[in-house]
N, C-alpha and C. Protein backbone atom coordinates (compact mmCIF):
# COMPACT_ATOMS: atom_id res chain seq x y z
N MET A 1 199.69 -22.66 -93.30
CA MET A 1 199.18 -22.25 -92.02
C MET A 1 197.75 -22.74 -91.87
N ASN A 2 197.45 -23.24 -90.71
CA ASN A 2 196.10 -23.77 -90.52
C ASN A 2 195.31 -22.86 -89.55
N ALA A 3 194.04 -23.15 -89.47
CA ALA A 3 193.16 -22.28 -88.67
C ALA A 3 193.49 -22.31 -87.16
N GLN A 4 193.96 -23.48 -86.70
CA GLN A 4 194.23 -23.64 -85.26
C GLN A 4 195.43 -22.70 -84.89
N GLU A 5 196.44 -22.64 -85.75
CA GLU A 5 197.54 -21.75 -85.48
C GLU A 5 197.12 -20.29 -85.44
N LEU A 6 196.21 -19.95 -86.33
CA LEU A 6 195.74 -18.54 -86.40
C LEU A 6 194.87 -18.20 -85.22
N ARG A 7 194.11 -19.16 -84.69
CA ARG A 7 193.22 -18.87 -83.56
C ARG A 7 194.01 -18.56 -82.30
N GLU A 8 195.25 -19.04 -82.23
CA GLU A 8 196.07 -18.80 -81.10
C GLU A 8 196.72 -17.41 -81.08
N LYS A 9 196.65 -16.70 -82.21
CA LYS A 9 197.27 -15.38 -82.32
C LYS A 9 196.27 -14.31 -81.91
N THR A 10 196.85 -13.19 -81.52
CA THR A 10 196.05 -12.00 -81.11
C THR A 10 195.51 -11.32 -82.41
N PRO A 11 194.48 -10.50 -82.25
CA PRO A 11 193.97 -9.74 -83.40
C PRO A 11 195.02 -8.87 -84.08
N ASP A 12 195.94 -8.28 -83.26
CA ASP A 12 197.00 -7.42 -83.85
C ASP A 12 197.97 -8.27 -84.66
N GLN A 13 198.28 -9.47 -84.21
CA GLN A 13 199.17 -10.36 -84.97
C GLN A 13 198.46 -10.80 -86.25
N LEU A 14 197.16 -11.03 -86.16
CA LEU A 14 196.41 -11.45 -87.35
C LEU A 14 196.35 -10.31 -88.36
N ARG A 15 196.23 -9.07 -87.92
CA ARG A 15 196.24 -7.96 -88.87
C ARG A 15 197.58 -7.82 -89.53
N ASP A 16 198.67 -8.02 -88.77
CA ASP A 16 199.99 -7.97 -89.36
C ASP A 16 200.18 -9.10 -90.42
N GLU A 17 199.66 -10.28 -90.04
CA GLU A 17 199.74 -11.41 -90.98
C GLU A 17 198.96 -11.09 -92.25
N LEU A 18 197.80 -10.48 -92.09
CA LEU A 18 196.94 -10.14 -93.23
C LEU A 18 197.67 -9.13 -94.14
N THR A 19 198.30 -8.17 -93.57
CA THR A 19 199.07 -7.20 -94.39
C THR A 19 200.18 -7.86 -95.13
N ALA A 20 200.92 -8.77 -94.51
CA ALA A 20 201.98 -9.47 -95.16
C ALA A 20 201.47 -10.32 -96.30
N LEU A 21 200.34 -11.01 -96.07
CA LEU A 21 199.79 -11.85 -97.13
C LEU A 21 199.28 -11.04 -98.32
N LYS A 22 198.68 -9.87 -98.05
CA LYS A 22 198.21 -9.04 -99.15
C LYS A 22 199.38 -8.50 -99.97
N LYS A 23 200.50 -8.16 -99.27
CA LYS A 23 201.68 -7.74 -100.00
C LYS A 23 202.21 -8.84 -100.91
N GLU A 24 202.23 -10.06 -100.35
CA GLU A 24 202.68 -11.21 -101.12
C GLU A 24 201.80 -11.45 -102.32
N ALA A 25 200.49 -11.35 -102.12
CA ALA A 25 199.54 -11.55 -103.22
C ALA A 25 199.75 -10.52 -104.31
N PHE A 26 200.05 -9.29 -103.92
CA PHE A 26 200.29 -8.24 -104.90
C PHE A 26 201.55 -8.57 -105.71
N ASN A 27 202.62 -8.99 -105.00
CA ASN A 27 203.85 -9.33 -105.71
C ASN A 27 203.65 -10.55 -106.64
N LEU A 28 202.86 -11.52 -106.19
CA LEU A 28 202.61 -12.68 -107.05
C LEU A 28 201.81 -12.27 -108.31
N ARG A 29 200.83 -11.37 -108.16
CA ARG A 29 200.12 -10.93 -109.33
C ARG A 29 201.06 -10.18 -110.28
N PHE A 30 201.95 -9.40 -109.74
CA PHE A 30 202.88 -8.64 -110.56
C PHE A 30 203.79 -9.60 -111.33
N GLN A 31 204.25 -10.61 -110.62
CA GLN A 31 205.16 -11.64 -111.24
C GLN A 31 204.40 -12.39 -112.34
N GLN A 32 203.13 -12.67 -112.15
CA GLN A 32 202.34 -13.35 -113.16
C GLN A 32 202.15 -12.53 -114.37
N ALA A 33 201.93 -11.21 -114.19
CA ALA A 33 201.72 -10.34 -115.28
C ALA A 33 202.98 -10.21 -116.15
N THR A 34 204.16 -10.34 -115.56
CA THR A 34 205.43 -10.20 -116.27
C THR A 34 205.98 -11.58 -116.61
N ASN A 35 205.21 -12.63 -116.47
CA ASN A 35 205.57 -13.97 -116.78
C ASN A 35 206.89 -14.45 -116.05
N GLN A 36 206.98 -14.03 -114.80
CA GLN A 36 208.11 -14.46 -113.98
C GLN A 36 207.70 -15.38 -112.85
N LEU A 37 206.41 -15.69 -112.77
CA LEU A 37 205.89 -16.53 -111.67
C LEU A 37 206.23 -17.96 -111.93
N GLU A 38 206.94 -18.57 -110.93
CA GLU A 38 207.35 -19.98 -111.04
C GLU A 38 206.35 -20.92 -110.39
N ASN A 39 205.83 -20.57 -109.24
CA ASN A 39 204.94 -21.46 -108.52
C ASN A 39 203.52 -20.87 -108.58
N THR A 40 202.77 -21.30 -109.54
CA THR A 40 201.44 -20.72 -109.70
C THR A 40 200.47 -21.15 -108.60
N ALA A 41 200.74 -22.24 -107.96
CA ALA A 41 199.92 -22.74 -106.84
C ALA A 41 199.99 -21.80 -105.63
N ARG A 42 201.07 -21.06 -105.51
CA ARG A 42 201.22 -20.19 -104.37
C ARG A 42 200.17 -19.09 -104.36
N MET A 43 199.72 -18.64 -105.50
CA MET A 43 198.67 -17.63 -105.57
C MET A 43 197.43 -18.14 -104.87
N ARG A 44 197.06 -19.38 -105.12
CA ARG A 44 195.88 -19.96 -104.56
C ARG A 44 196.04 -20.06 -103.01
N GLN A 45 197.21 -20.52 -102.60
CA GLN A 45 197.46 -20.65 -101.17
C GLN A 45 197.37 -19.34 -100.44
N VAL A 46 197.92 -18.29 -101.04
CA VAL A 46 197.92 -16.95 -100.38
C VAL A 46 196.49 -16.46 -100.33
N ARG A 47 195.71 -16.57 -101.44
CA ARG A 47 194.35 -16.10 -101.45
C ARG A 47 193.53 -16.82 -100.38
N ARG A 48 193.71 -18.11 -100.21
CA ARG A 48 192.99 -18.85 -99.17
C ARG A 48 193.47 -18.49 -97.79
N ASP A 49 194.74 -18.21 -97.60
CA ASP A 49 195.23 -17.78 -96.34
C ASP A 49 194.68 -16.45 -95.91
N VAL A 50 194.51 -15.52 -96.90
CA VAL A 50 193.91 -14.24 -96.64
C VAL A 50 192.44 -14.45 -96.15
N ALA A 51 191.74 -15.29 -96.84
CA ALA A 51 190.33 -15.55 -96.43
C ALA A 51 190.27 -16.20 -95.05
N ARG A 52 191.20 -17.09 -94.75
CA ARG A 52 191.24 -17.73 -93.46
C ARG A 52 191.52 -16.76 -92.36
N VAL A 53 192.43 -15.81 -92.55
CA VAL A 53 192.75 -14.78 -91.57
C VAL A 53 191.54 -13.89 -91.35
N ASN A 54 190.91 -13.47 -92.43
CA ASN A 54 189.74 -12.62 -92.32
C ASN A 54 188.60 -13.31 -91.57
N THR A 55 188.44 -14.58 -91.79
CA THR A 55 187.40 -15.35 -91.11
C THR A 55 187.65 -15.38 -89.63
N ILE A 56 188.86 -15.63 -89.21
CA ILE A 56 189.21 -15.74 -87.81
C ILE A 56 189.15 -14.37 -87.13
N LEU A 57 189.54 -13.32 -87.87
CA LEU A 57 189.38 -11.96 -87.29
C LEU A 57 187.89 -11.66 -87.06
N ASN A 58 187.03 -12.04 -88.00
CA ASN A 58 185.60 -11.82 -87.80
C ASN A 58 185.06 -12.66 -86.64
N GLU A 59 185.57 -13.90 -86.47
CA GLU A 59 185.14 -14.71 -85.37
C GLU A 59 185.50 -14.09 -84.04
N LYS A 60 186.74 -13.57 -83.97
CA LYS A 60 187.20 -12.93 -82.76
C LYS A 60 186.40 -11.68 -82.43
N ALA A 61 186.06 -10.89 -83.47
CA ALA A 61 185.29 -9.68 -83.28
C ALA A 61 183.86 -10.04 -82.81
N ALA A 62 183.28 -11.04 -83.37
CA ALA A 62 181.97 -11.45 -82.93
C ALA A 62 181.96 -11.99 -81.50
N GLN A 63 183.03 -12.70 -81.17
CA GLN A 63 183.12 -13.23 -79.80
C GLN A 63 183.30 -12.05 -78.80
N ALA A 64 184.08 -11.08 -79.17
CA ALA A 64 184.31 -9.92 -78.29
C ALA A 64 182.98 -9.15 -78.12
N ALA A 65 182.20 -9.04 -79.19
CA ALA A 65 180.94 -8.33 -79.13
C ALA A 65 179.90 -9.04 -78.26
N ALA A 66 179.99 -10.35 -78.25
CA ALA A 66 179.03 -11.16 -77.52
C ALA A 66 179.29 -11.09 -76.01
N GLU A 67 180.54 -10.77 -75.66
CA GLU A 67 180.87 -10.75 -74.24
C GLU A 67 180.48 -9.49 -73.57
């Protein structure tokens, strides 16, 4: 997912996306702890997607406050 796609979503959609990503990150950490994780690169992708969603939520909040 890229930043442009995220900017087109509403804040509620972004919060839902953030919740889903955090659940996935939890599951990936659990899989890693039990040595069942197959795609280790997915952990990095999810962590960066969480950061990307948080950044865009903050941008939208700052923009709403400025108006």
